[in-house]
Amino acid sequence: AAGVGQQWVLVEMVQAFYEAPAYHLILEGILILWIIRLLFSKTYKLQERSDLTLKEKEELIEEWQPEPLVPPVPKDHPALNYNIVSGPPTHIITVNGKECINFASFNFLGLLNNEKVKSAAQASLKKYGVGTCGPRGFYGTFDVHLELEERLAKFMRTEEAIIYSYGFATIASAIPAYSKRGDIVFVDEAACFAIQKGLQASRSNIKLFKHNDMADLERLLKEQETEDQKNPRKARVTRRFIVVEGLYMNTGDICPLPELIKLKYKYKVRIFLEESLSFGVLGEHGRGITEHFGINIDDIDLISANMENSLASIGGFCCGRSFIIDHQRLSGQGYCFSASLPPLLAAAAIEALNIMEDNPDIFQTLRAKCERIHKALQGIYGLKVVGESFSPALHLQLEESYGSRENDVKLLKRVVDYCMNSGIALTQARYLEKEEKCLPPPSIRVVVTVEQTEQELDKAASLLKEAAQSVLN
């Protein structure tokens, strides 16, 4: 009976062999051949070598030179030779012991030394102390933080706002909170470094379009639409974003927001708008580029800005719909892991908002002064003005390069030093050259504030012309 049973099993195996699909037999055959090869192949034997003597080891150790931890930096590098400010960086600034008119600090509305702002900060200092020593989720949320968020949301006419304790970290945290690996971000090649760091942290697929070139952006959107049609399953789970600035920090240009809104709805993408330079500057009430163009703020998915320019405080904020902002409270790294904004700075920002709301004419004053110096700076020998006439941060770039970037930077520094020695404080735009995606040309940055008088604006323009003629001619 046992022999009959074994014979029957053998017959079943042969029958199964004939009925099995061809690919199954091929796969099993390959596996059998691979096992046979492993069984009969020669084992790998490490090459024997004699041990080094103690003297030989010491000689090798003495000869070995480790690579430097960081690349060598020359002693004359600008970052190692900074100007020292004593006193508040207000309208009149003392740099290296010399009193100058300030055309370098981003104190657009002149609130940095405002008595009401300082009084609010001092009252908060007495009530809460200096810092918070904890993130928002760990006893770092104070009532003044909630008040500031409510005031910002009301001012921007959005459902909700969230504040960060560091301006740079605001957009750098907001982008990776939403855009993840596999998502697609279309970004202007002139985007500031904070945006670039946010994109890097998101690990998303980044597609750069030419600066303010909507035709180039639409070309990329069409290409992506074609790719999505090839793989609709992947397209359904892939999020798409456009990231732009209201006024670009690196160029002073305004983004063509009305055209971007059309592309948003045509190609079904989300828009993130960075307004650090345009908040408190553009629009009848300083609400930024959406007010400037008369665009419904709900057409923008997320707005971010720092509070370190117009509000003369520290930190930043994002605003938008409640469900978007609430997500950052769980996923915004700068919000979740950094100590919250010191209450005195939150109180200062609230008082700055009060001043902006009570004095809407301040924005027209700033715009008029921007246009005045923009016009006065035209026709400077060897230099060209870059930026909108209403931008409070303009760039002066060389019309032609003088052989290398290093030479260009040195020439512009001589122009800045010439002006500094004559009582006008300017600064060169600084970049991390090896990390910038699209490195902007060297430039001198001219910052306009409401505190500067017409005579001082004219003096600065005249002195820049004199300096350029002396250095570049």
Protein backbone atom coordinates (compact mmCIF):
# COMPACT_ATOMS: atom_id res chain seq x y z
CA ALA A 1 0.00 0.00 0.00
CA ALA A 2 2.89 2.33 0.80
CA GLY A 3 4.48 1.67 -2.62
CA VAL A 4 1.20 2.43 -4.38
CA GLY A 5 0.89 5.69 -2.43
CA GLN A 6 4.42 6.79 -3.41
CA GLN A 7 3.74 5.92 -7.04
CA TRP A 8 0.54 7.99 -6.96
CA VAL A 9 2.41 11.00 -5.51
CA LEU A 10 5.03 10.71 -8.28
CA VAL A 11 2.29 10.64 -10.92
CA GLU A 12 0.74 13.81 -9.38
CA MET A 13 4.10 15.58 -9.46
CA VAL A 14 4.64 14.71 -13.13
CA GLN A 15 1.10 15.84 -13.95
CA ALA A 16 1.61 19.12 -12.07
CA PHE A 17 4.91 19.61 -13.94
CA TYR A 18 3.12 19.41 -17.31
CA GLU A 19 0.25 21.68 -16.17
CA ALA A 20 2.46 24.38 -14.63
CA PRO A 21 2.86 27.64 -16.66
CA ALA A 22 6.09 28.09 -18.60
CA TYR A 23 7.27 31.14 -16.60
CA HIS A 24 6.90 29.15 -13.37
CA LEU A 25 9.13 26.34 -14.70
CA ILE A 26 11.72 28.85 -15.98
CA LEU A 27 11.85 30.61 -12.60
CA GLU A 28 12.29 27.32 -10.71
CA GLY A 29 14.99 26.23 -13.14
CA ILE A 30 16.92 29.45 -12.60
CA LEU A 31 16.68 29.07 -8.83
CA ILE A 32 17.96 25.45 -8.99
CA LEU A 33 20.91 26.46 -11.20
CA TRP A 34 21.75 29.36 -8.81
CA ILE A 35 21.74 26.98 -5.79
CA ILE A 36 24.03 24.52 -7.63
CA ARG A 37 26.40 27.38 -8.50
CA LEU A 38 26.56 28.53 -4.88
CA LEU A 39 27.29 24.97 -3.67
CA PHE A 40 30.18 24.35 -6.09
CA SER A 41 31.70 27.83 -6.42
CA LYS A 42 35.04 28.54 -4.73
CA THR A 43 34.98 30.43 -1.51
CA TYR A 44 36.61 33.87 -1.49
CA LYS A 45 39.86 33.97 0.41
CA LEU A 46 41.22 37.23 1.77
CA GLN A 47 44.64 38.09 0.49
CA GLU A 48 47.20 37.48 3.18
CA ARG A 49 49.53 40.31 4.03
CA SER A 50 52.17 40.79 6.59
CA ASP A 51 51.45 43.11 9.52
CA LEU A 52 53.16 46.49 9.58
CA THR A 53 55.86 47.13 12.10
CA LEU A 54 55.36 49.74 14.81
CA LYS A 55 57.82 52.07 13.05
CA GLU A 56 55.95 51.76 9.72
CA LYS A 57 52.65 52.50 11.43
CA GLU A 58 54.09 55.61 13.07
CA GLU A 59 55.48 56.82 9.74
CA LEU A 60 52.10 56.37 8.02
CA ILE A 61 50.29 58.20 10.83
CA GLU A 62 52.82 61.04 10.67
CA GLU A 63 52.41 61.36 6.87
CA TRP A 64 48.57 61.31 6.94
CA GLN A 65 46.91 64.69 6.58
CA PRO A 66 43.14 64.81 7.25
CA GLU A 67 40.90 66.83 4.96
CA PRO A 68 39.82 70.18 6.48
CA LEU A 69 36.46 70.13 8.24
CA VAL A 70 35.45 73.28 6.33
CA PRO A 71 37.01 74.94 3.26
CA PRO A 72 39.60 77.63 4.05
CA VAL A 73 38.21 81.16 4.33
CA PRO A 74 40.38 84.21 3.63
CA LYS A 75 40.84 86.63 6.52
CA ASP A 76 39.48 89.51 4.42
CA HIS A 77 36.17 87.73 3.75
CA PRO A 78 33.27 90.22 4.29
CA ALA A 79 31.50 87.87 6.70
CA LEU A 80 34.54 88.00 9.02
CA ASN A 81 34.91 91.78 8.81
CA TYR A 82 31.50 93.15 9.66
CA ASN A 83 30.52 96.67 10.55
CA ILE A 84 29.70 97.23 14.23
CA VAL A 85 26.57 99.20 15.12
CA SER A 86 26.28 101.04 18.44
CA GLY A 87 22.81 102.24 19.37
CA PRO A 88 19.49 101.54 17.63
CA PRO A 89 19.62 101.05 13.80
CA THR A 90 17.06 103.80 13.22
CA HIS A 91 17.01 106.74 10.82
CA ILE A 92 20.45 107.85 12.05
CA ILE A 93 22.78 104.91 12.69
CA THR A 94 26.23 104.82 14.26
CA VAL A 95 28.48 102.40 12.36
CA ASN A 96 32.07 101.81 13.48
CA GLY A 97 31.79 104.94 15.56
CA LYS A 98 30.64 107.08 12.61
CA GLU A 99 27.16 108.62 12.45
CA CYS A 100 25.38 107.96 9.13
CA ILE A 101 21.96 108.22 7.51
CA ASN A 102 20.59 104.68 7.43
CA PHE A 103 19.88 103.27 3.95
CA ALA A 104 20.60 99.68 4.97
CA SER A 105 18.07 98.53 7.63
CA PHE A 106 14.63 97.19 6.62
CA ASN A 107 12.85 99.55 8.99
CA PHE A 108 10.40 100.59 6.23
CA LEU A 109 7.77 102.28 8.41
CA GLY A 110 10.21 103.73 10.94
CA LEU A 111 8.67 101.83 13.87
CA LEU A 112 11.88 100.39 15.29
CA ASN A 113 12.41 103.33 17.66
CA ASN A 114 8.75 104.36 17.93
CA GLU A 115 7.87 105.40 21.50
CA LYS A 116 4.50 103.59 21.51
CA VAL A 117 6.11 100.37 20.31
CA LYS A 118 8.88 100.61 22.91
CA SER A 119 6.38 101.34 25.69
CA ALA A 120 4.30 98.27 24.74
CA ALA A 121 7.44 96.12 24.73
CA GLN A 122 8.56 97.48 28.11
CA ALA A 123 5.15 96.83 29.69
CA SER A 124 5.23 93.28 28.36
CA LEU A 125 8.78 92.80 29.66
CA LYS A 126 7.66 93.73 33.18
CA LYS A 127 4.65 91.41 32.99
CA TYR A 128 6.11 88.29 31.28
CA GLY A 129 9.89 88.56 31.57
CA VAL A 130 12.38 88.25 28.71
CA GLY A 131 11.88 84.91 26.95
CA THR A 132 9.58 81.88 26.96
CA CYS A 133 11.98 78.92 27.34
CA GLY A 134 9.56 76.55 25.64
CA PRO A 135 7.84 75.77 22.31
CA ARG A 136 4.19 76.62 21.81
CA GLY A 137 3.05 73.10 22.71
CA PHE A 138 5.06 72.99 25.96
CA TYR A 139 3.99 75.94 28.10
CA GLY A 140 5.27 78.38 25.49
CA THR A 141 1.86 79.73 24.46
CA PHE A 142 1.10 83.07 26.14
CA ASP A 143 -2.09 85.08 25.84
CA VAL A 144 -0.19 87.76 23.93
CA HIS A 145 0.68 85.18 21.23
CA LEU A 146 -2.97 84.35 20.71
CA GLU A 147 -3.84 88.04 20.59
CA LEU A 148 -1.19 88.70 17.94
CA GLU A 149 -2.40 85.77 15.81
CA GLU A 150 -5.97 87.04 16.05
CA ARG A 151 -4.92 90.57 15.12
CA LEU A 152 -2.87 89.41 12.13
CA ALA A 153 -5.73 87.26 10.82
CA LYS A 154 -8.12 90.19 11.20
CA PHE A 155 -5.69 92.62 9.54
CA MET A 156 -5.04 90.29 6.58
CA ARG A 157 -8.76 89.34 6.38
CA THR A 158 -8.10 85.63 6.63
CA GLU A 159 -9.64 82.98 8.88
CA GLU A 160 -6.57 82.29 10.97
CA ALA A 161 -2.88 83.14 11.47
CA ILE A 162 0.09 81.42 13.10
CA ILE A 163 3.27 83.09 14.36
CA TYR A 164 6.87 81.82 14.36
CA SER A 165 9.73 83.04 16.52
CA TYR A 166 12.17 83.40 13.61
CA GLY A 167 11.42 85.07 10.28
CA PHE A 168 13.66 82.86 8.14
CA ALA A 169 12.12 79.70 9.59
CA THR A 170 8.57 80.76 8.73
CA ILE A 171 8.44 79.92 5.01
CA ALA A 172 11.26 77.36 5.45
CA SER A 173 8.93 75.46 7.83
CA ALA A 174 5.66 76.11 6.01
CA ILE A 175 6.69 74.59 2.67
CA PRO A 176 7.74 71.13 3.98
CA ALA A 177 4.67 71.05 6.23
CA TYR A 178 2.56 70.55 3.09
CA SER A 179 4.82 69.51 0.22
CA LYS A 180 6.40 66.08 0.65
CA ARG A 181 8.53 63.64 -1.32
CA GLY A 182 6.90 62.97 -4.70
CA ASP A 183 5.00 66.28 -4.78
CA ILE A 184 5.85 68.92 -7.39
CA VAL A 185 6.77 72.55 -6.70
CA PHE A 186 7.04 75.17 -9.44
CA VAL A 187 9.21 77.99 -8.11
CA ASP A 188 10.59 81.24 -9.51
CA GLU A 189 14.36 81.01 -10.02
CA ALA A 190 14.82 84.33 -8.16
CA ALA A 191 13.25 82.97 -4.96
CA CYS A 192 14.96 83.97 -1.72
CA PHE A 193 17.19 81.64 0.29
CA ALA A 194 14.53 80.91 2.93
CA ILE A 195 12.26 79.49 0.20
CA GLN A 196 15.16 77.43 -1.16
CA LYS A 197 15.79 75.90 2.28
CA GLY A 198 12.09 75.07 2.62
CA LEU A 199 12.11 73.34 -0.76
CA GLN A 200 15.23 71.40 0.18
CA ALA A 201 13.61 70.21 3.41
CA SER A 202 10.46 69.12 1.56
CA ARG A 203 12.41 66.72 -0.71
CA SER A 204 9.82 67.44 -3.39
CA ASN A 205 10.37 67.53 -7.13
CA ILE A 206 11.44 71.13 -7.83
CA LYS A 207 10.85 72.78 -11.22
CA LEU A 208 12.34 76.26 -11.65
CA PHE A 209 10.81 78.74 -14.09
CA LYS A 210 12.43 81.91 -15.38
CA HIS A 211 12.00 84.97 -13.20
CA ASN A 212 8.47 86.36 -13.58
CA ASP A 213 8.12 84.54 -16.93
CA MET A 214 4.54 83.26 -17.00
CA ALA A 215 5.01 81.72 -20.45
CA ASP A 216 7.86 79.57 -19.12
CA LEU A 217 5.76 78.60 -16.08
CA GLU A 218 2.83 77.59 -18.28
CA ARG A 219 5.20 75.53 -20.42
CA LEU A 220 6.24 73.56 -17.33
CA LEU A 221 2.62 73.18 -16.22
CA LYS A 222 1.64 71.84 -19.65
CA GLU A 223 4.52 69.37 -19.60
CA GLN A 224 3.41 68.16 -16.18
CA GLU A 225 -0.19 67.86 -17.38
CA THR A 226 1.02 65.62 -20.21
CA GLU A 227 2.98 63.48 -17.75
CA ASP A 228 -0.07 63.19 -15.50
CA GLN A 229 -2.17 61.86 -18.38
CA LYS A 230 0.35 59.04 -18.87
CA ASN A 231 0.06 57.95 -15.23
CA PRO A 232 -3.34 59.07 -13.86
CA ARG A 233 -3.05 56.91 -10.72
CA LYS A 234 0.14 58.69 -9.64
CA ALA A 235 -1.29 62.08 -10.66
CA ARG A 236 -4.24 61.64 -8.29
CA VAL A 237 -1.95 61.48 -5.24
CA THR A 238 0.63 64.08 -6.36
CA ARG A 239 0.18 67.61 -5.01
CA ARG A 240 1.32 70.60 -7.06
CA PHE A 241 2.38 73.99 -5.72
CA ILE A 242 3.55 77.33 -7.10
CA VAL A 243 5.85 79.28 -4.74
CA VAL A 244 6.50 82.97 -5.42
CA GLU A 245 7.31 86.21 -3.58
CA GLY A 246 5.15 89.33 -3.57
CA LEU A 247 8.17 91.62 -3.92
CA TYR A 248 11.33 89.64 -4.62
CA MET A 249 14.10 90.16 -2.09
CA ASN A 250 16.83 89.47 -4.65
CA THR A 251 15.47 91.67 -7.44
CA GLY A 252 12.92 94.13 -6.04
CA ASP A 253 10.46 93.01 -8.75
CA ILE A 254 6.75 92.42 -8.15
CA CYS A 255 5.25 89.07 -9.12
CA PRO A 256 2.47 89.06 -11.76
CA LEU A 257 -0.13 87.71 -9.34
CA PRO A 258 -3.24 88.13 -11.56
CA GLU A 259 -1.67 85.90 -14.22
CA LEU A 260 -0.63 83.37 -11.57
CA ILE A 261 -4.23 83.14 -10.32
CA LYS A 262 -5.41 82.29 -13.84
CA LEU A 263 -2.78 79.55 -14.14
CA LYS A 264 -3.70 78.24 -10.69
CA TYR A 265 -7.30 77.50 -11.67
CA LYS A 266 -6.44 76.40 -15.21
CA TYR A 267 -3.92 73.75 -14.09
CA LYS A 268 -5.28 73.06 -10.58
CA VAL A 269 -2.26 74.00 -8.49
CA ARG A 270 -1.90 75.67 -5.08
CA ILE A 271 -0.16 79.02 -4.56
CA PHE A 272 2.17 79.83 -1.66
CA LEU A 273 2.98 83.55 -1.46
CA GLU A 274 5.97 84.89 0.50
CA GLU A 275 5.32 88.55 1.40
CA SER A 276 8.13 89.56 3.73
CA LEU A 277 9.03 92.54 1.54
CA SER A 278 5.51 93.48 0.41
CA PHE A 279 3.63 93.15 3.74
CA GLY A 280 3.27 96.61 5.29
CA VAL A 281 4.37 98.17 1.99
CA LEU A 282 1.96 97.44 -0.85
CA GLY A 283 -1.75 98.17 -0.89
CA GLU A 284 -3.83 101.04 0.43
CA HIS A 285 -3.69 99.62 3.98
CA GLY A 286 -0.39 97.72 3.72
CA ARG A 287 -1.95 94.27 3.35
CA GLY A 288 0.44 93.34 0.59
CA ILE A 289 0.25 92.31 -3.01
CA THR A 290 -3.29 90.93 -2.89
CA GLU A 291 -4.58 94.36 -1.87
CA HIS A 292 -2.25 96.00 -4.41
CA PHE A 293 -3.87 94.06 -7.27
CA GLY A 294 -7.36 93.89 -5.74
CA ILE A 295 -7.30 90.10 -5.59
CA ASN A 296 -9.48 88.07 -3.23
CA ILE A 297 -7.12 86.75 -0.56
CA ASP A 298 -8.96 83.40 -0.58
CA ASP A 299 -7.46 82.80 -4.04
CA ILE A 300 -4.09 82.35 -2.28
CA ASP A 301 -3.68 79.08 -0.42
CA LEU A 302 -1.03 80.32 2.01
CA ILE A 303 0.56 83.71 2.73
CA SER A 304 3.70 84.04 4.81
CA ALA A 305 5.73 87.07 5.87
CA ASN A 306 8.25 87.99 8.51
CA MET A 307 7.66 90.62 11.18
CA GLU A 308 11.24 91.88 10.97
CA ASN A 309 10.71 94.58 8.33
CA SER A 310 7.57 96.72 8.50
CA LEU A 311 6.56 95.61 12.01
CA ALA A 312 10.10 96.24 13.34
CA SER A 313 9.93 93.12 15.55
CA ILE A 314 11.22 89.56 15.23
CA GLY A 315 9.63 86.38 13.88
CA GLY A 316 7.14 85.69 11.13
CA PHE A 317 3.58 84.57 10.45
CA CYS A 318 1.48 82.56 8.03
CA CYS A 319 -2.20 83.19 7.37
CA GLY A 320 -4.97 81.52 5.39
CA ARG A 321 -7.92 79.21 5.94
CA SER A 322 -8.25 77.58 9.35
CA PHE A 323 -7.69 74.00 8.21
CA ILE A 324 -4.46 75.04 6.44
CA ILE A 325 -3.07 76.96 9.41
CA ASP A 326 -4.04 74.28 11.95
CA HIS A 327 -1.94 71.77 10.02
CA GLN A 328 1.17 73.87 10.70
CA ARG A 329 0.56 73.64 14.44
CA LEU A 330 1.22 69.91 14.05
CA SER A 331 3.79 69.91 11.22
CA GLY A 332 5.59 73.28 11.12
CA GLN A 333 9.04 72.42 12.47
CA GLY A 334 9.94 75.99 13.43
CA TYR A 335 6.64 76.24 15.33
CA CYS A 336 6.76 72.85 17.03
CA PHE A 337 10.42 72.72 18.11
CA SER A 338 11.61 76.32 18.61
CA ALA A 339 11.01 78.36 21.74
CA SER A 340 8.04 80.63 21.12
CA LEU A 341 8.32 84.33 20.35
CA PRO A 342 9.32 86.42 23.41
CA PRO A 343 6.14 88.16 24.65
CA LEU A 344 7.76 91.60 24.51
CA LEU A 345 8.28 91.18 20.75
CA ALA A 346 4.71 89.97 20.28
CA ALA A 347 3.47 93.05 22.16
CA ALA A 348 5.69 95.27 19.99
CA ALA A 349 4.21 93.71 16.83
CA ILE A 350 0.65 94.28 18.09
CA GLU A 351 1.39 97.96 18.72
CA ALA A 352 3.00 98.23 15.27
CA LEU A 353 -0.22 96.84 13.77
CA ASN A 354 -2.19 99.46 15.71
CA ILE A 355 -0.04 102.21 14.18
CA MET A 356 -0.46 100.78 10.68
CA GLU A 357 -4.24 100.68 11.08
CA ASP A 358 -4.44 104.17 12.59
CA ASN A 359 -2.13 105.79 10.00
CA PRO A 360 -2.95 104.40 6.52
CA ASP A 361 -1.32 107.45 4.91
CA ILE A 362 2.06 106.07 5.94
CA PHE A 363 2.02 103.65 3.00
CA GLN A 364 1.52 106.44 0.47
CA THR A 365 4.37 108.38 2.09
CA LEU A 366 6.67 105.38 1.76
CA ARG A 367 5.67 104.83 -1.86
CA ALA A 368 6.34 108.48 -2.77
CA LYS A 369 9.83 108.30 -1.27
CA CYS A 370 10.57 105.02 -3.06
CA GLU A 371 9.57 106.57 -6.39
CA ARG A 372 11.65 109.68 -5.66
CA ILE A 373 14.92 107.83 -5.07
CA HIS A 374 14.22 105.35 -7.88
CA LYS A 375 14.04 108.28 -10.29
CA ALA A 376 17.07 110.02 -8.76
CA LEU A 377 19.24 106.89 -9.12
CA GLN A 378 18.75 106.65 -12.88
CA GLY A 379 21.78 107.36 -15.05
CA ILE A 380 24.53 106.49 -12.55
CA TYR A 381 27.79 105.79 -14.35
CA GLY A 382 28.43 102.04 -14.63
CA LEU A 383 25.42 101.07 -12.50
CA LYS A 384 21.80 100.16 -13.25
CA VAL A 385 18.78 100.26 -10.95
CA VAL A 386 17.01 96.91 -10.48
CA GLY A 387 13.56 96.78 -8.87
CA GLU A 388 10.13 98.37 -9.06
CA SER A 389 9.81 102.12 -8.48
CA PHE A 390 7.59 101.42 -5.43
CA SER A 391 9.87 98.78 -3.88
CA PRO A 392 11.52 99.95 -0.63
CA ALA A 393 14.54 97.72 -1.33
CA LEU A 394 16.32 98.51 -4.61
CA HIS A 395 19.45 96.97 -6.10
CA LEU A 396 22.28 98.72 -7.92
CA GLN A 397 24.08 96.29 -10.21
CA LEU A 398 27.07 96.80 -12.48
CA GLU A 399 26.09 97.38 -16.10
CA GLU A 400 29.05 95.23 -17.16
CA SER A 401 31.21 92.78 -15.25
CA TYR A 402 34.82 93.72 -14.56
CA GLY A 403 36.26 90.30 -15.28
CA SER A 404 35.07 88.15 -12.37
CA ARG A 405 32.54 88.08 -9.58
CA GLU A 406 35.32 88.69 -7.06
CA ASN A 407 36.38 91.87 -8.87
CA ASP A 408 32.76 93.04 -9.11
CA VAL A 409 32.21 92.54 -5.38
CA LYS A 410 35.37 94.47 -4.51
CA LEU A 411 34.40 97.40 -6.75
CA LEU A 412 30.93 97.62 -5.24
CA LYS A 413 32.45 97.48 -1.74
CA ARG A 414 34.59 100.50 -2.63
CA VAL A 415 31.43 102.36 -3.67
CA VAL A 416 29.76 101.42 -0.35
CA ASP A 417 32.83 102.48 1.64
CA TYR A 418 32.98 105.80 -0.25
CA CYS A 419 29.38 106.52 0.74
CA MET A 420 29.97 105.37 4.33
CA ASN A 421 32.87 107.79 4.71
CA SER A 422 30.53 110.57 3.54
CA GLY A 423 27.76 109.72 6.01
CA ILE A 424 25.47 107.38 4.02
CA ALA A 425 25.17 103.80 5.32
CA LEU A 426 24.57 101.25 2.54
CA THR A 427 25.19 97.54 2.27
CA GLN A 428 25.98 94.96 -0.36
CA ALA A 429 23.54 92.10 -0.90
CA ARG A 430 25.02 88.94 0.63
CA TYR A 431 24.55 85.38 -0.64
CA LEU A 432 25.81 81.90 0.24
CA GLU A 433 27.35 81.55 -3.19
CA LYS A 434 27.89 77.78 -3.16
CA GLU A 435 24.35 77.04 -1.97
CA GLU A 436 22.22 79.40 -4.06
CA LYS A 437 20.29 77.66 -6.84
CA CYS A 438 20.51 80.69 -9.13
CA LEU A 439 23.13 83.08 -7.78
CA PRO A 440 22.10 86.73 -8.32
CA PRO A 441 24.68 89.21 -9.63
CA PRO A 442 26.58 91.28 -7.02
CA SER A 443 24.69 94.42 -6.02
CA ILE A 444 24.40 97.32 -3.61
CA ARG A 445 21.09 97.32 -1.75
CA VAL A 446 19.40 100.67 -1.13
CA VAL A 447 16.62 100.58 1.50
CA VAL A 448 14.03 103.37 1.75
CA THR A 449 12.10 104.26 4.93
CA VAL A 450 9.46 106.85 5.78
CA GLU A 451 11.89 108.59 8.13
CA GLN A 452 14.27 109.68 5.38
CA THR A 453 13.69 113.26 4.23
CA GLU A 454 13.58 114.34 0.60
CA GLN A 455 16.90 116.12 1.09
CA GLU A 456 18.49 112.93 2.46
CA LEU A 457 17.14 110.87 -0.44
CA ASP A 458 18.60 113.36 -2.91
CA LYS A 459 21.89 113.43 -1.01
CA ALA A 460 22.17 109.63 -1.12
CA ALA A 461 21.48 109.55 -4.86
CA SER A 462 23.98 112.35 -5.52
CA LEU A 463 26.65 110.67 -3.39
CA LEU A 464 26.15 107.32 -5.16
CA LYS A 465 26.66 109.02 -8.52
CA GLU A 466 29.81 110.67 -7.21
CA ALA A 467 31.10 107.38 -5.77
CA ALA A 468 30.42 105.42 -8.97
CA GLN A 469 32.15 108.07 -11.07
CA SER A 470 35.17 107.98 -8.77
CA VAL A 471 35.46 104.17 -8.43
CA LEU A 472 34.23 102.83 -11.79
CA ASN A 473 35.51 105.49 -14.20
